[in-house]
Amino acid sequence: MPLGEILTWPAWQLDAYRAFVDRELPPDQRIEMILAQIAARVFNATRPQGVSAVSFQDFLLPRELWGSPAPAGGLTPEEMQMIGHVERRPTQT
């Protein structure tokens, strides 16, 4: 989607989009969750009789081992302008 189009969105659309994005995990965490879910499904499908099922959480690494998120960077001047525009505008109540 072109940046110019995003800048023309009304404030309520940006608020709704921000609420959606805030609920989403960052890509690196999303990958960890997906891999853990796959591992749990494979284990549960192939587990021997009498062995209890496991949760995907049993396959997740502890969060402190995930590392810190990558620093923001590589943004174009237009993207930086959009971020500044969104952060400076008053939120809709």
Foldseek 3Di string as FASTA:
>chain_A
DDLVVVVPDDQVVVVVVVVVVVVDDPPLVVVQLVVLQVVQVVCQVPPDPPDDRDDSVVRHDPPVVSDDDDDDDPDDPSVVVVVVVSVPDDHDD
